[in-house]
Amino acid sequence: MTFNQQEKIALLSLLIEMANADQHIAYEEMIAINLICRRLDIDHNSFLVAHGLKPQHAIEVLKSMSDDNKLQLAQLMVDVIDSDSQVNDAEIQLLNHACREIGIDHLLQ
């Protein structure tokens, strides 16, 4: 996965929002996000910036990513949703919204 620093912060912000969509971040979701941070070499300072980023701003940044990165982001979002084995409506709504706004839905047709 090749994301620039701005994309990493934006996608992490969205993943945190995804994990908290049901107003509770499960332990398994924290582990999934931590593993993604390690894989993408996201440091603690970038995590703090991502945590404070508004979801709509993150979506605006992610719109300009390459199609390959958008598809990888979709997989990361699904990984976080699936991590606690409890998929709820709020997570699905956020996933659908993000995919529409970022342009991932057009890539999956």
C-alpha atoms as a PDB file:
ATOM      1  CA  MET A   1       0.000   0.000   0.000  1.00  0.00           C
ATOM      2  CA  THR A   2       1.367   3.363  -0.997  1.00  0.00           C
ATOM      3  CA  PHE A   3      -0.340   6.291   0.680  1.00  0.00           C
ATOM      4  CA  ASN A   4       1.206   9.706   1.205  1.00  0.00           C
ATOM      5  CA  GLN A   5       1.261  11.183   4.727  1.00  0.00           C
ATOM      6  CA  GLN A   6      -1.858  13.295   4.206  1.00  0.00           C
ATOM      7  CA  GLU A   7      -3.774  10.262   2.894  1.00  0.00           C
ATOM      8  CA  LYS A   8      -2.589   8.145   5.836  1.00  0.00           C
ATOM      9  CA  ILE A   9      -3.892  10.685   8.332  1.00  0.00           C
ATOM     10  CA  ALA A  10      -7.199  11.048   6.470  1.00  0.00           C
ATOM     11  CA  LEU A  11      -7.780   7.315   6.086  1.00  0.00           C
ATOM     12  CA  LEU A  12      -6.905   6.710   9.741  1.00  0.00           C
ATOM     13  CA  SER A  13      -9.387   9.415  10.727  1.00  0.00           C
ATOM     14  CA  LEU A  14     -12.070   7.647   8.719  1.00  0.00           C
ATOM     15  CA  LEU A  15     -11.161   4.248  10.207  1.00  0.00           C
ATOM     16  CA  ILE A  16     -11.422   5.672  13.733  1.00  0.00           C
ATOM     17  CA  GLU A  17     -14.816   7.122  12.824  1.00  0.00           C
ATOM     18  CA  MET A  18     -15.806   3.727  11.408  1.00  0.00           C
ATOM     19  CA  ALA A  19     -14.806   1.940  14.621  1.00  0.00           C
ATOM     20  CA  ASN A  20     -16.787   4.470  16.656  1.00  0.00           C
ATOM     21  CA  ALA A  21     -19.864   4.474  14.410  1.00  0.00           C
ATOM     22  CA  ASP A  22     -21.816   2.521  17.029  1.00  0.00           C
ATOM     23  CA  GLN A  23     -20.594   4.886  19.789  1.00  0.00           C
ATOM     24  CA  HIS A  24     -18.295   2.178  21.153  1.00  0.00           C
ATOM     25  CA  ILE A  25     -14.828   1.183  19.982  1.00  0.00           C
ATOM     26  CA  ALA A  26     -14.411  -2.522  20.678  1.00  0.00           C
ATOM     27  CA  TYR A  27     -11.074  -3.956  21.746  1.00  0.00           C
ATOM     28  CA  GLU A  28     -10.882  -5.896  18.451  1.00  0.00           C
ATOM     29  CA  GLU A  29     -11.403  -2.686  16.498  1.00  0.00           C
ATOM     30  CA  MET A  30      -8.554  -1.038  18.413  1.00  0.00           C
ATOM     31  CA  ILE A  31      -6.311  -3.983  17.545  1.00  0.00           C
ATOM     32  CA  ALA A  32      -7.320  -3.795  13.870  1.00  0.00           C
ATOM     33  CA  ILE A  33      -6.558  -0.065  13.738  1.00  0.00           C
ATOM     34  CA  ASN A  34      -3.254  -0.582  15.540  1.00  0.00           C
ATOM     35  CA  LEU A  35      -2.235  -3.250  13.009  1.00  0.00           C
ATOM     36  CA  ILE A  36      -3.158  -0.952  10.128  1.00  0.00           C
ATOM     37  CA  CYS A  37      -1.071   1.835  11.709  1.00  0.00           C
ATOM     38  CA  ARG A  38       1.899  -0.492  11.903  1.00  0.00           C
ATOM     39  CA  ARG A  39       1.432  -1.716   8.344  1.00  0.00           C
ATOM     40  CA  LEU A  40       1.204   1.844   7.017  1.00  0.00           C
ATOM     41  CA  ASP A  41       3.965   3.152   9.300  1.00  0.00           C
ATOM     42  CA  ILE A  42       1.685   5.696  10.988  1.00  0.00           C
ATOM     43  CA  ASP A  43       3.334   7.184  14.064  1.00  0.00           C
ATOM     44  CA  HIS A  44       1.721   8.372  17.305  1.00  0.00           C
ATOM     45  CA  ASN A  45       1.745  12.061  16.313  1.00  0.00           C
ATOM     46  CA  SER A  46      -0.032  11.266  13.044  1.00  0.00           C
ATOM     47  CA  PHE A  47      -2.536   9.187  15.010  1.00  0.00           C
ATOM     48  CA  LEU A  48      -3.298  12.192  17.225  1.00  0.00           C
ATOM     49  CA  VAL A  49      -3.770  14.425  14.178  1.00  0.00           C
ATOM     50  CA  ALA A  50      -6.055  11.820  12.589  1.00  0.00           C
ATOM     51  CA  HIS A  51      -8.083  11.510  15.778  1.00  0.00           C
ATOM     52  CA  GLY A  52      -8.820  15.241  15.696  1.00  0.00           C
ATOM     53  CA  LEU A  53      -9.612  15.449  11.980  1.00  0.00           C
ATOM     54  CA  LYS A  54     -13.243  15.962  11.031  1.00  0.00           C
ATOM     55  CA  PRO A  55     -14.603  13.060   8.928  1.00  0.00           C
ATOM     56  CA  GLN A  56     -15.786  15.346   6.110  1.00  0.00           C
ATOM     57  CA  HIS A  57     -12.308  16.848   5.786  1.00  0.00           C
ATOM     58  CA  ALA A  58     -10.841  13.332   5.671  1.00  0.00           C
ATOM     59  CA  ILE A  59     -13.276  12.405   2.900  1.00  0.00           C
ATOM     60  CA  GLU A  60     -12.271  15.496   0.897  1.00  0.00           C
ATOM     61  CA  VAL A  61      -8.600  14.443   1.109  1.00  0.00           C
ATOM     62  CA  LEU A  62      -9.381  10.844   0.160  1.00  0.00           C
ATOM     63  CA  LYS A  63     -11.362  11.829  -2.943  1.00  0.00           C
ATOM     64  CA  SER A  64      -8.146  12.696  -4.757  1.00  0.00           C
ATOM     65  CA  MET A  65      -6.435   9.344  -4.142  1.00  0.00           C
ATOM     66  CA  SER A  66      -5.666   6.927  -6.940  1.00  0.00           C
ATOM     67  CA  ASP A  67      -8.266   4.287  -7.746  1.00  0.00           C
ATOM     68  CA  ASP A  68      -5.960   1.577  -6.364  1.00  0.00           C
ATOM     69  CA  ASN A  69      -5.660   3.420  -3.057  1.00  0.00           C
ATOM     70  CA  LYS A  70      -9.420   3.929  -2.920  1.00  0.00           C
ATOM     71  CA  LEU A  71      -9.956   0.186  -3.320  1.00  0.00           C
ATOM     72  CA  GLN A  72      -7.379  -0.503  -0.610  1.00  0.00           C
ATOM     73  CA  LEU A  73      -9.169   1.973   1.656  1.00  0.00           C
ATOM     74  CA  ALA A  74     -12.451   0.138   1.073  1.00  0.00           C
ATOM     75  CA  GLN A  75     -10.802  -3.090   2.206  1.00  0.00           C
ATOM     76  CA  LEU A  76      -9.360  -1.396   5.302  1.00  0.00           C
ATOM     77  CA  MET A  77     -12.801  -0.052   6.232  1.00  0.00           C
ATOM     78  CA  VAL A  78     -14.315  -3.515   5.874  1.00  0.00           C
ATOM     79  CA  ASP A  79     -11.473  -4.978   7.944  1.00  0.00           C
ATOM     80  CA  VAL A  80     -12.263  -2.582  10.800  1.00  0.00           C
ATOM     81  CA  ILE A  81     -16.012  -3.240  10.559  1.00  0.00           C
ATOM     82  CA  ASP A  82     -15.486  -7.019  10.593  1.00  0.00           C
ATOM     83  CA  SER A  83     -12.884  -6.993  13.366  1.00  0.00           C
ATOM     84  CA  ASP A  84     -15.364  -7.208  16.240  1.00  0.00           C
ATOM     85  CA  SER A  85     -17.720  -9.636  14.444  1.00  0.00           C
ATOM     86  CA  GLN A  86     -20.614  -7.242  15.077  1.00  0.00           C
ATOM     87  CA  VAL A  87     -21.699  -5.282  12.020  1.00  0.00           C
ATOM     88  CA  ASN A  88     -24.379  -2.718  12.750  1.00  0.00           C
ATOM     89  CA  ASP A  89     -26.445  -0.272  10.724  1.00  0.00           C
ATOM     90  CA  ALA A  90     -24.373   2.788  11.679  1.00  0.00           C
ATOM     91  CA  GLU A  91     -21.194   1.134  10.365  1.00  0.00           C
ATOM     92  CA  ILE A  92     -22.874   0.132   7.109  1.00  0.00           C
ATOM     93  CA  GLN A  93     -24.333   3.634   6.670  1.00  0.00           C
ATOM     94  CA  LEU A  94     -20.918   5.229   7.214  1.00  0.00           C
ATOM     95  CA  LEU A  95     -19.270   2.734   4.849  1.00  0.00           C
ATOM     96  CA  ASN A  96     -21.861   3.467   2.145  1.00  0.00           C
ATOM     97  CA  HIS A  97     -21.573   7.235   2.670  1.00  0.00           C
ATOM     98  CA  ALA A  98     -17.771   7.175   2.526  1.00  0.00           C
ATOM     99  CA  CYS A  99     -17.734   4.972  -0.571  1.00  0.00           C
ATOM    100  CA  ARG A 100     -20.184   7.271  -2.370  1.00  0.00           C
ATOM    101  CA  GLU A 101     -18.403  10.477  -1.368  1.00  0.00           C
ATOM    102  CA  ILE A 102     -14.885   9.211  -2.138  1.00  0.00           C
ATOM    103  CA  GLY A 103     -15.931   7.567  -5.415  1.00  0.00           C
ATOM    104  CA  ILE A 104     -15.271   3.978  -4.416  1.00  0.00           C
ATOM    105  CA  ASP A 105     -18.783   2.892  -5.352  1.00  0.00           C
ATOM    106  CA  HIS A 106     -18.107   3.675  -9.037  1.00  0.00           C
ATOM    107  CA  LEU A 107     -15.006   1.492  -8.956  1.00  0.00           C
ATOM    108  CA  LEU A 108     -16.975  -1.506  -7.715  1.00  0.00           C
ATOM    109  CA  GLN A 109     -19.577  -1.467 -10.497  1.00  0.00           C
END
